[in-house]
């Protein structure tokens, strides 16, 4: 495993789409976002990893009481 590559910072999430066969294992989630210079980027992840990320964010939300 090499060094971590940092993605450009997110200024605004523009959208997310799912593609695949409709099963959790066969589905990918693509998130598109722009940075502070309005450059567009996208990141793609398996559906199950996207759900794990969602759970992490919900935990943060509960921690800060928002």
N, C-alpha and C. Protein backbone atom coordinates (compact mmCIF):
# COMPACT_ATOMS: atom_id res chain seq x y z
N UNK A 1 0.84 -1.17 0.00
CA UNK A 1 0.00 0.00 0.00
C UNK A 1 0.89 1.23 0.00
N UNK A 2 0.60 2.17 -0.88
CA UNK A 2 1.40 3.38 -1.01
C UNK A 2 0.83 4.52 -0.20
N UNK A 3 1.35 5.70 -0.47
CA UNK A 3 0.86 6.88 0.25
C UNK A 3 -0.59 7.21 -0.12
N UNK A 4 -1.27 7.87 0.78
CA UNK A 4 -2.65 8.26 0.54
C UNK A 4 -2.69 9.43 -0.43
N UNK A 5 -3.58 9.36 -1.40
CA UNK A 5 -3.78 10.47 -2.34
C UNK A 5 -5.00 11.25 -1.90
N UNK A 6 -4.80 12.51 -1.66
CA UNK A 6 -5.89 13.36 -1.18
C UNK A 6 -6.71 13.89 -2.36
N UNK A 7 -8.03 13.72 -2.29
CA UNK A 7 -8.93 14.25 -3.31
C UNK A 7 -9.06 15.76 -3.12
N UNK A 8 -9.39 16.48 -4.20
CA UNK A 8 -9.65 17.91 -4.05
C UNK A 8 -10.79 18.16 -3.06
N UNK A 9 -10.66 19.23 -2.29
CA UNK A 9 -11.68 19.57 -1.30
C UNK A 9 -13.02 19.84 -1.96
N UNK A 10 -14.08 19.45 -1.29
CA UNK A 10 -15.44 19.64 -1.80
C UNK A 10 -15.94 21.01 -1.39
N UNK A 11 -16.44 21.76 -2.37
CA UNK A 11 -17.13 23.02 -2.09
C UNK A 11 -18.64 22.78 -2.12
N UNK A 12 -19.09 21.98 -3.11
CA UNK A 12 -20.53 21.73 -3.25
C UNK A 12 -20.76 20.37 -3.90
N UNK A 13 -21.56 19.52 -3.24
CA UNK A 13 -21.98 18.26 -3.85
C UNK A 13 -23.01 18.61 -4.92
N UNK A 14 -22.78 18.11 -6.12
CA UNK A 14 -23.68 18.42 -7.24
C UNK A 14 -24.73 17.33 -7.46
N UNK A 15 -24.41 16.10 -7.06
CA UNK A 15 -25.38 15.04 -7.23
C UNK A 15 -24.75 13.68 -7.05
N UNK A 16 -25.60 12.67 -7.02
CA UNK A 16 -25.15 11.29 -6.91
C UNK A 16 -26.07 10.42 -7.74
N UNK A 17 -25.49 9.40 -8.35
CA UNK A 17 -26.28 8.45 -9.13
C UNK A 17 -25.83 7.05 -8.76
N UNK A 18 -26.72 6.12 -8.97
CA UNK A 18 -26.37 4.71 -8.78
C UNK A 18 -26.51 3.99 -10.11
N UNK A 19 -25.62 3.06 -10.33
CA UNK A 19 -25.65 2.26 -11.55
C UNK A 19 -25.35 0.82 -11.17
N UNK A 20 -25.92 -0.09 -11.90
CA UNK A 20 -25.63 -1.49 -11.65
C UNK A 20 -26.84 -2.35 -11.86
N UNK A 21 -26.75 -3.54 -11.27
CA UNK A 21 -27.80 -4.53 -11.49
C UNK A 21 -28.91 -4.49 -10.45
N UNK A 22 -28.87 -3.52 -9.53
CA UNK A 22 -29.91 -3.38 -8.54
C UNK A 22 -29.69 -4.17 -7.26
N UNK A 23 -28.63 -4.96 -7.23
CA UNK A 23 -28.29 -5.66 -5.99
C UNK A 23 -27.22 -4.85 -5.26
N UNK A 24 -27.14 -4.97 -3.94
CA UNK A 24 -26.11 -4.23 -3.21
C UNK A 24 -24.70 -4.53 -3.71
N UNK A 25 -24.41 -5.79 -4.00
CA UNK A 25 -23.05 -6.15 -4.45
C UNK A 25 -22.77 -5.70 -5.88
N UNK A 26 -23.81 -5.51 -6.68
CA UNK A 26 -23.62 -5.17 -8.09
C UNK A 26 -23.92 -3.72 -8.42
N UNK A 27 -23.97 -2.86 -7.41
CA UNK A 27 -24.33 -1.47 -7.63
C UNK A 27 -23.17 -0.56 -7.24
N UNK A 28 -22.94 0.46 -8.06
CA UNK A 28 -21.93 1.48 -7.81
C UNK A 28 -22.64 2.82 -7.59
N UNK A 29 -22.06 3.65 -6.75
CA UNK A 29 -22.57 5.00 -6.50
C UNK A 29 -21.51 5.99 -6.98
N UNK A 30 -21.93 6.94 -7.79
CA UNK A 30 -21.04 7.99 -8.27
C UNK A 30 -21.50 9.31 -7.69
N UNK A 31 -20.58 10.02 -7.04
CA UNK A 31 -20.87 11.33 -6.46
C UNK A 31 -20.08 12.37 -7.25
N UNK A 32 -20.76 13.39 -7.73
CA UNK A 32 -20.10 14.48 -8.45
C UNK A 32 -20.10 15.72 -7.57
N UNK A 33 -18.96 16.41 -7.59
CA UNK A 33 -18.85 17.61 -6.77
C UNK A 33 -17.96 18.64 -7.44
N UNK A 34 -18.07 19.88 -6.97
CA UNK A 34 -17.19 20.95 -7.45
C UNK A 34 -16.34 21.45 -6.29
N UNK A 35 -15.17 21.99 -6.66
CA UNK A 35 -14.30 22.58 -5.65
C UNK A 35 -14.51 24.09 -5.63
N UNK A 36 -13.70 24.80 -4.88
CA UNK A 36 -13.87 26.25 -4.74
C UNK A 36 -13.60 27.02 -6.04
N UNK A 37 -12.99 26.34 -7.03
CA UNK A 37 -12.75 26.98 -8.33
C UNK A 37 -13.80 26.56 -9.36
N UNK A 38 -14.86 25.90 -8.91
CA UNK A 38 -15.92 25.38 -9.77
C UNK A 38 -15.44 24.32 -10.75
N UNK A 39 -14.37 23.63 -10.42
CA UNK A 39 -13.94 22.48 -11.21
C UNK A 39 -14.73 21.26 -10.73
N UNK A 40 -15.15 20.43 -11.69
CA UNK A 40 -15.96 19.26 -11.37
C UNK A 40 -15.09 18.04 -11.15
N UNK A 41 -15.50 17.22 -10.19
CA UNK A 41 -14.83 15.96 -9.89
C UNK A 41 -15.89 14.92 -9.62
N UNK A 42 -15.51 13.65 -9.71
CA UNK A 42 -16.42 12.60 -9.31
C UNK A 42 -15.64 11.48 -8.67
N UNK A 43 -16.31 10.82 -7.77
CA UNK A 43 -15.75 9.66 -7.08
C UNK A 43 -16.78 8.55 -7.15
N UNK A 44 -16.30 7.34 -7.42
CA UNK A 44 -17.20 6.20 -7.56
C UNK A 44 -16.83 5.17 -6.50
N UNK A 45 -17.86 4.59 -5.89
CA UNK A 45 -17.61 3.58 -4.86
C UNK A 45 -18.70 2.52 -4.91
N UNK A 46 -18.39 1.33 -4.41
CA UNK A 46 -19.43 0.30 -4.32
C UNK A 46 -20.55 0.77 -3.39
N UNK A 47 -21.75 0.32 -3.68
CA UNK A 47 -22.92 0.71 -2.89
C UNK A 47 -22.73 0.44 -1.40
N UNK A 48 -22.19 -0.72 -1.05
CA UNK A 48 -22.03 -1.04 0.37
C UNK A 48 -21.06 -0.08 1.06
N UNK A 49 -20.03 0.38 0.37
CA UNK A 49 -19.14 1.38 0.94
C UNK A 49 -19.83 2.73 1.07
N UNK A 50 -20.71 3.06 0.12
CA UNK A 50 -21.48 4.31 0.21
C UNK A 50 -22.40 4.26 1.43
N UNK A 51 -22.99 3.11 1.70
CA UNK A 51 -23.86 2.97 2.87
C UNK A 51 -23.04 3.05 4.16
N UNK A 52 -21.83 2.52 4.14
CA UNK A 52 -20.95 2.62 5.31
C UNK A 52 -20.61 4.09 5.57
N UNK A 53 -20.30 4.83 4.50
CA UNK A 53 -20.03 6.26 4.62
C UNK A 53 -21.24 6.99 5.19
N UNK A 54 -22.42 6.65 4.72
CA UNK A 54 -23.64 7.27 5.23
C UNK A 54 -23.79 7.02 6.73
N UNK A 55 -23.51 5.81 7.17
CA UNK A 55 -23.60 5.51 8.60
C UNK A 55 -22.56 6.29 9.40
N UNK A 56 -21.35 6.46 8.87
CA UNK A 56 -20.34 7.27 9.54
C UNK A 56 -20.81 8.71 9.68
N UNK A 57 -21.39 9.25 8.61
CA UNK A 57 -21.89 10.63 8.64
C UNK A 57 -23.05 10.77 9.63
N UNK A 58 -23.91 9.78 9.70
CA UNK A 58 -25.02 9.82 10.67
C UNK A 58 -24.47 9.80 12.10
N UNK A 59 -23.41 9.05 12.33
CA UNK A 59 -22.79 9.04 13.65
C UNK A 59 -22.23 10.40 14.01
N UNK A 60 -21.59 11.05 13.04
CA UNK A 60 -21.08 12.42 13.27
C UNK A 60 -22.24 13.36 13.56
N UNK A 61 -23.32 13.21 12.79
CA UNK A 61 -24.50 14.05 12.99
C UNK A 61 -25.04 13.91 14.40
N UNK A 62 -25.11 12.69 14.91
CA UNK A 62 -25.59 12.45 16.27
C UNK A 62 -24.63 13.05 17.30
N UNK A 63 -23.33 12.93 17.05
CA UNK A 63 -22.33 13.45 17.98
C UNK A 63 -22.44 14.96 18.16
N UNK A 64 -22.74 15.65 17.07
CA UNK A 64 -22.80 17.11 17.17
C UNK A 64 -24.21 17.62 17.44
N UNK A 65 -25.18 16.68 17.50
CA UNK A 65 -26.54 17.05 17.84
C UNK A 65 -27.26 17.85 16.79
N UNK A 66 -26.97 17.57 15.54
CA UNK A 66 -27.58 18.32 14.44
C UNK A 66 -28.67 17.51 13.79
